[in-house]
């Protein structure tokens, strides 16, 4: 059933270093653009109640508007998954050296 997943994982791991890093960056940015805003919306909805400007799509509109206005908070959300992944990889490398 998960044969496609295993093939995709094997392909991803076997990529040359530069392509591997480029694909990792692309996937992390995709998560930052498309997955993080709904997660932020859900966390805010459960803790702070309804979003002031509307629902999830209003948050997406405000988020992309903030990206075009170069708001640092929106760009931190986009870069967050890649920074987190990079930190995990650095700490893993440090722990291997110890």
N, C-alpha and C. Protein backbone atom coordinates (compact mmCIF):
# COMPACT_ATOMS: atom_id res chain seq x y z
N UNK A 1 0.81 -1.19 0.00
CA UNK A 1 0.00 0.00 0.00
C UNK A 1 0.86 1.27 0.00
N UNK A 2 1.95 1.26 0.75
CA UNK A 2 2.82 2.43 0.80
C UNK A 2 4.04 2.26 -0.09
N UNK A 3 3.90 1.51 -1.16
CA UNK A 3 5.00 1.29 -2.09
C UNK A 3 5.45 2.60 -2.73
N UNK A 4 4.51 3.48 -3.06
CA UNK A 4 4.86 4.76 -3.66
C UNK A 4 5.65 5.61 -2.69
N UNK A 5 5.33 5.51 -1.40
CA UNK A 5 6.05 6.29 -0.40
C UNK A 5 7.50 5.81 -0.28
N UNK A 6 7.68 4.51 -0.30
CA UNK A 6 9.04 3.95 -0.21
C UNK A 6 9.86 4.33 -1.44
N UNK A 7 9.24 4.29 -2.61
CA UNK A 7 9.95 4.69 -3.83
C UNK A 7 10.32 6.17 -3.80
N UNK A 8 9.39 7.00 -3.33
CA UNK A 8 9.67 8.44 -3.25
C UNK A 8 10.78 8.71 -2.23
N UNK A 9 10.75 8.02 -1.10
CA UNK A 9 11.80 8.20 -0.08
C UNK A 9 13.15 7.74 -0.62
N UNK A 10 13.19 6.59 -1.31
CA UNK A 10 14.44 6.10 -1.87
C UNK A 10 14.99 7.05 -2.93
N UNK A 11 14.10 7.63 -3.74
CA UNK A 11 14.52 8.59 -4.74
C UNK A 11 15.09 9.84 -4.08
N UNK A 12 14.40 10.32 -3.06
CA UNK A 12 14.81 11.54 -2.35
C UNK A 12 16.17 11.37 -1.69
N UNK A 13 16.38 10.23 -1.05
CA UNK A 13 17.64 9.99 -0.35
C UNK A 13 18.79 9.76 -1.32
N UNK A 14 18.50 9.23 -2.50
CA UNK A 14 19.57 8.92 -3.45
C UNK A 14 19.94 10.09 -4.36
N UNK A 15 19.31 11.24 -4.18
CA UNK A 15 19.63 12.40 -5.01
C UNK A 15 21.05 12.89 -4.74
N UNK A 16 21.69 13.50 -5.75
CA UNK A 16 22.98 14.16 -5.49
C UNK A 16 22.80 15.28 -4.46
N UNK A 17 23.87 15.63 -3.78
CA UNK A 17 23.81 16.54 -2.64
C UNK A 17 23.11 17.86 -2.96
N UNK A 18 23.45 18.50 -4.07
CA UNK A 18 22.87 19.79 -4.41
C UNK A 18 21.36 19.67 -4.68
N UNK A 19 20.96 18.64 -5.41
CA UNK A 19 19.54 18.44 -5.68
C UNK A 19 18.78 18.09 -4.40
N UNK A 20 19.43 17.32 -3.53
CA UNK A 20 18.83 16.96 -2.25
C UNK A 20 18.55 18.21 -1.42
N UNK A 21 19.54 19.10 -1.34
CA UNK A 21 19.37 20.32 -0.56
C UNK A 21 18.33 21.25 -1.20
N UNK A 22 18.31 21.32 -2.53
CA UNK A 22 17.33 22.16 -3.22
C UNK A 22 15.92 21.63 -3.01
N UNK A 23 15.76 20.32 -3.06
CA UNK A 23 14.44 19.74 -2.84
C UNK A 23 14.01 19.91 -1.38
N UNK A 24 14.95 19.79 -0.46
CA UNK A 24 14.64 20.01 0.95
C UNK A 24 14.19 21.44 1.18
N UNK A 25 14.89 22.39 0.59
CA UNK A 25 14.50 23.80 0.70
C UNK A 25 13.11 24.02 0.11
N UNK A 26 12.87 23.46 -1.07
CA UNK A 26 11.57 23.63 -1.71
C UNK A 26 10.43 23.04 -0.91
N UNK A 27 10.63 21.85 -0.36
CA UNK A 27 9.59 21.22 0.45
C UNK A 27 9.35 21.98 1.74
N UNK A 28 10.42 22.47 2.36
CA UNK A 28 10.27 23.24 3.60
C UNK A 28 9.54 24.56 3.34
N UNK A 29 9.85 25.22 2.24
CA UNK A 29 9.15 26.46 1.90
C UNK A 29 7.69 26.19 1.55
N UNK A 30 7.42 25.09 0.90
CA UNK A 30 6.05 24.72 0.58
C UNK A 30 5.25 24.49 1.87
N UNK A 31 5.87 23.83 2.83
CA UNK A 31 5.21 23.63 4.13
C UNK A 31 4.99 24.99 4.79
N UNK A 32 5.97 25.88 4.71
CA UNK A 32 5.82 27.21 5.29
C UNK A 32 4.71 28.03 4.65
N UNK A 33 4.53 27.89 3.34
CA UNK A 33 3.49 28.63 2.63
C UNK A 33 2.10 28.04 2.82
N UNK A 34 1.99 26.71 2.78
CA UNK A 34 0.67 26.09 2.72
C UNK A 34 0.21 25.38 3.99
N UNK A 35 1.13 24.91 4.81
CA UNK A 35 0.73 24.12 5.98
C UNK A 35 0.74 24.96 7.26
N UNK A 36 1.71 25.83 7.39
CA UNK A 36 1.84 26.60 8.63
C UNK A 36 0.66 27.56 8.87
N UNK A 37 0.15 28.30 7.88
CA UNK A 37 -0.99 29.18 8.17
C UNK A 37 -2.22 28.44 8.71
N UNK A 38 -2.63 27.28 8.15
CA UNK A 38 -3.76 26.60 8.78
C UNK A 38 -3.46 26.10 10.20
N UNK A 39 -2.22 25.69 10.45
CA UNK A 39 -1.87 25.27 11.81
C UNK A 39 -1.92 26.45 12.78
N UNK A 40 -1.46 27.60 12.33
CA UNK A 40 -1.55 28.81 13.16
C UNK A 40 -3.01 29.18 13.39
N UNK A 41 -3.81 29.05 12.35
CA UNK A 41 -5.24 29.36 12.50
C UNK A 41 -5.89 28.43 13.51
N UNK A 42 -5.61 27.13 13.42
CA UNK A 42 -6.21 26.18 14.35
C UNK A 42 -5.77 26.44 15.79
N UNK A 43 -4.49 26.70 15.98
CA UNK A 43 -4.00 26.99 17.33
C UNK A 43 -4.66 28.26 17.88
N UNK A 44 -4.77 29.28 17.06
CA UNK A 44 -5.42 30.51 17.51
C UNK A 44 -6.91 30.33 17.73
N UNK A 45 -7.53 29.51 16.90
CA UNK A 45 -8.98 29.28 17.04
C UNK A 45 -9.29 28.57 18.36
N UNK A 46 -8.47 27.61 18.73
CA UNK A 46 -8.73 26.87 19.97
C UNK A 46 -8.35 27.65 21.21
N UNK A 47 -7.36 28.51 21.13
CA UNK A 47 -6.93 29.24 22.32
C UNK A 47 -7.53 30.63 22.43
N UNK A 48 -7.66 31.33 21.31
CA UNK A 48 -8.12 32.72 21.34
C UNK A 48 -9.51 32.91 20.74
N UNK A 49 -10.11 31.88 20.26
CA UNK A 49 -11.41 31.88 19.59
C UNK A 49 -11.29 32.38 18.16
N UNK A 50 -12.38 32.91 17.61
CA UNK A 50 -12.47 33.22 16.19
C UNK A 50 -11.46 34.29 15.76
N UNK A 51 -10.96 34.14 14.50
CA UNK A 51 -10.04 35.11 13.91
C UNK A 51 -10.80 36.41 13.67
N UNK A 52 -10.18 37.53 13.99
CA UNK A 52 -10.86 38.82 13.97
C UNK A 52 -11.34 39.22 12.58
N UNK A 53 -10.60 38.88 11.53
CA UNK A 53 -10.97 39.32 10.19
C UNK A 53 -11.81 38.31 9.43
N UNK A 54 -12.15 37.19 10.01
CA UNK A 54 -12.95 36.18 9.32
C UNK A 54 -12.48 34.79 9.66
N UNK A 55 -12.43 33.93 8.65
CA UNK A 55 -12.05 32.54 8.85
C UNK A 55 -10.66 32.25 8.33
N UNK A 56 -10.48 30.99 7.94
CA UNK A 56 -9.18 30.52 7.48
C UNK A 56 -8.73 31.23 6.21
N UNK A 57 -9.64 31.44 5.29
CA UNK A 57 -9.26 32.08 4.03
C UNK A 57 -8.90 33.56 4.24
N UNK A 58 -9.53 34.19 5.21
CA UNK A 58 -9.16 35.56 5.55
C UNK A 58 -7.75 35.59 6.12
N UNK A 59 -7.40 34.58 6.91
CA UNK A 59 -6.04 34.51 7.43
C UNK A 59 -5.04 34.30 6.30
N UNK A 60 -5.38 33.42 5.35
CA UNK A 60 -4.50 33.22 4.19
C UNK A 60 -4.33 34.53 3.41
N UNK A 61 -5.42 35.25 3.21
CA UNK A 61 -5.32 36.53 2.49
C UNK A 61 -4.42 37.50 3.24
N UNK A 62 -4.61 37.61 4.56
CA UNK A 62 -3.77 38.51 5.36
C UNK A 62 -2.32 38.05 5.37
N UNK A 63 -2.11 36.74 5.38
CA UNK A 63 -0.76 36.18 5.38
C UNK A 63 -0.03 36.53 4.08
N UNK A 64 -0.66 36.27 2.94
CA UNK A 64 -0.01 36.57 1.67
C UNK A 64 0.12 38.08 1.44
N UNK A 65 -0.82 38.85 1.95
CA UNK A 65 -0.70 40.30 1.89
C UNK A 65 0.51 40.75 2.71
N UNK A 66 0.71 40.14 3.86
CA UNK A 66 1.87 40.44 4.69
C UNK A 66 3.18 40.06 4.03
N UNK A 67 3.16 38.97 3.25
CA UNK A 67 4.37 38.59 2.52
C UNK A 67 4.73 39.65 1.49
N UNK A 68 3.74 40.17 0.79
CA UNK A 68 4.01 41.19 -0.22
C UNK A 68 4.38 42.53 0.41
N UNK A 69 3.91 42.76 1.63
CA UNK A 69 4.27 44.00 2.34
C UNK A 69 5.59 43.84 3.10
N UNK A 70 6.20 42.68 2.99
CA UNK A 70 7.49 42.37 3.62
C UNK A 70 7.44 42.45 5.15
N UNK A 71 6.35 41.96 5.72
CA UNK A 71 6.27 41.89 7.19
C UNK A 71 7.17 40.76 7.68
N UNK A 72 8.03 41.04 8.64
CA UNK A 72 8.94 40.00 9.14
C UNK A 72 8.22 38.79 9.75
N UNK A 73 7.08 39.02 10.39
CA UNK A 73 6.37 37.90 11.02
C UNK A 73 5.90 36.87 9.99
N UNK A 74 5.46 37.34 8.85
CA UNK A 74 5.02 36.41 7.80
C UNK A 74 6.20 35.66 7.21
N UNK A 75 7.31 36.33 7.02
CA UNK A 75 8.48 35.66 6.46
C UNK A 75 9.10 34.68 7.45
N UNK A 76 8.96 34.95 8.74
CA UNK A 76 9.42 34.00 9.75
C UNK A 76 8.60 32.72 9.67
N UNK A 77 7.30 32.86 9.44
CA UNK A 77 6.44 31.68 9.30
C UNK A 77 6.86 30.86 8.08
N UNK A 78 7.19 31.52 6.98
CA UNK A 78 7.60 30.81 5.77
C UNK A 78 8.94 30.12 5.97
N UNK A 79 9.89 30.81 6.58
CA UNK A 79 11.23 30.25 6.75
C UNK A 79 11.34 29.31 7.94
N UNK A 80 10.37 29.32 8.82
CA UNK A 80 10.41 28.53 10.04
C UNK A 80 10.69 27.05 9.85
N UNK A 81 9.97 26.36 8.97
CA UNK A 81 10.24 24.93 8.80
C UNK A 81 11.66 24.63 8.32
N UNK A 82 12.20 25.46 7.43
CA UNK A 82 13.56 25.22 6.95
C UNK A 82 14.58 25.50 8.05
N UNK A 83 14.37 26.55 8.82
CA UNK A 83 15.29 26.87 9.92
C UNK A 83 15.25 25.76 10.96
N UNK A 84 14.05 25.29 11.30
CA UNK A 84 13.92 24.21 12.26
C UNK A 84 14.64 22.95 11.76
N UNK A 85 14.42 22.60 10.52
CA UNK A 85 15.07 21.43 9.94
C UNK A 85 16.58 21.58 9.93
N UNK A 86 17.06 22.76 9.61
CA UNK A 86 18.50 23.02 9.61
C UNK A 86 19.08 22.90 11.02
N UNK A 87 18.39 23.42 12.00
CA UNK A 87 18.85 23.31 13.39
C UNK A 87 18.90 21.85 13.84
N UNK A 88 17.90 21.08 13.48
CA UNK A 88 17.90 19.65 13.83
C UNK A 88 19.09 18.95 13.19
N UNK A 89 19.36 19.27 11.93
CA UNK A 89 20.49 18.64 11.25
C UNK A 89 21.83 19.05 11.86
N UNK A 90 21.96 20.31 12.26
CA UNK A 90 23.20 20.78 12.89
C UNK A 90 23.39 20.11 14.25
N UNK A 91 22.34 20.06 15.06
CA UNK A 91 22.46 19.42 16.37
C UNK A 91 22.76 17.93 16.23
N UNK A 92 22.17 17.30 15.23
CA UNK A 92 22.46 15.88 14.99
C UNK A 92 23.93 15.69 14.61
N UNK A 93 24.46 16.58 13.80
CA UNK A 93 25.87 16.52 13.42
C UNK A 93 26.77 16.73 14.63
N UNK A 94 26.41 17.68 15.48
CA UNK A 94 27.20 17.92 16.69
C UNK A 94 27.18 16.71 17.61
N UNK A 95 26.02 16.10 17.76
CA UNK A 95 25.93 14.92 18.63
C UNK A 95 26.71 13.73 18.07
N UNK A 96 26.80 13.64 16.77
CA UNK A 96 27.62 12.57 16.18
C UNK A 96 29.09 12.76 16.45
N UNK A 97 29.52 14.03 16.53
CA UNK A 97 30.94 14.32 16.76
C UNK A 97 31.34 14.11 18.22
N UNK A 98 30.38 14.16 19.10
CA UNK A 98 30.70 14.01 20.55
C UNK A 98 31.00 12.57 20.89
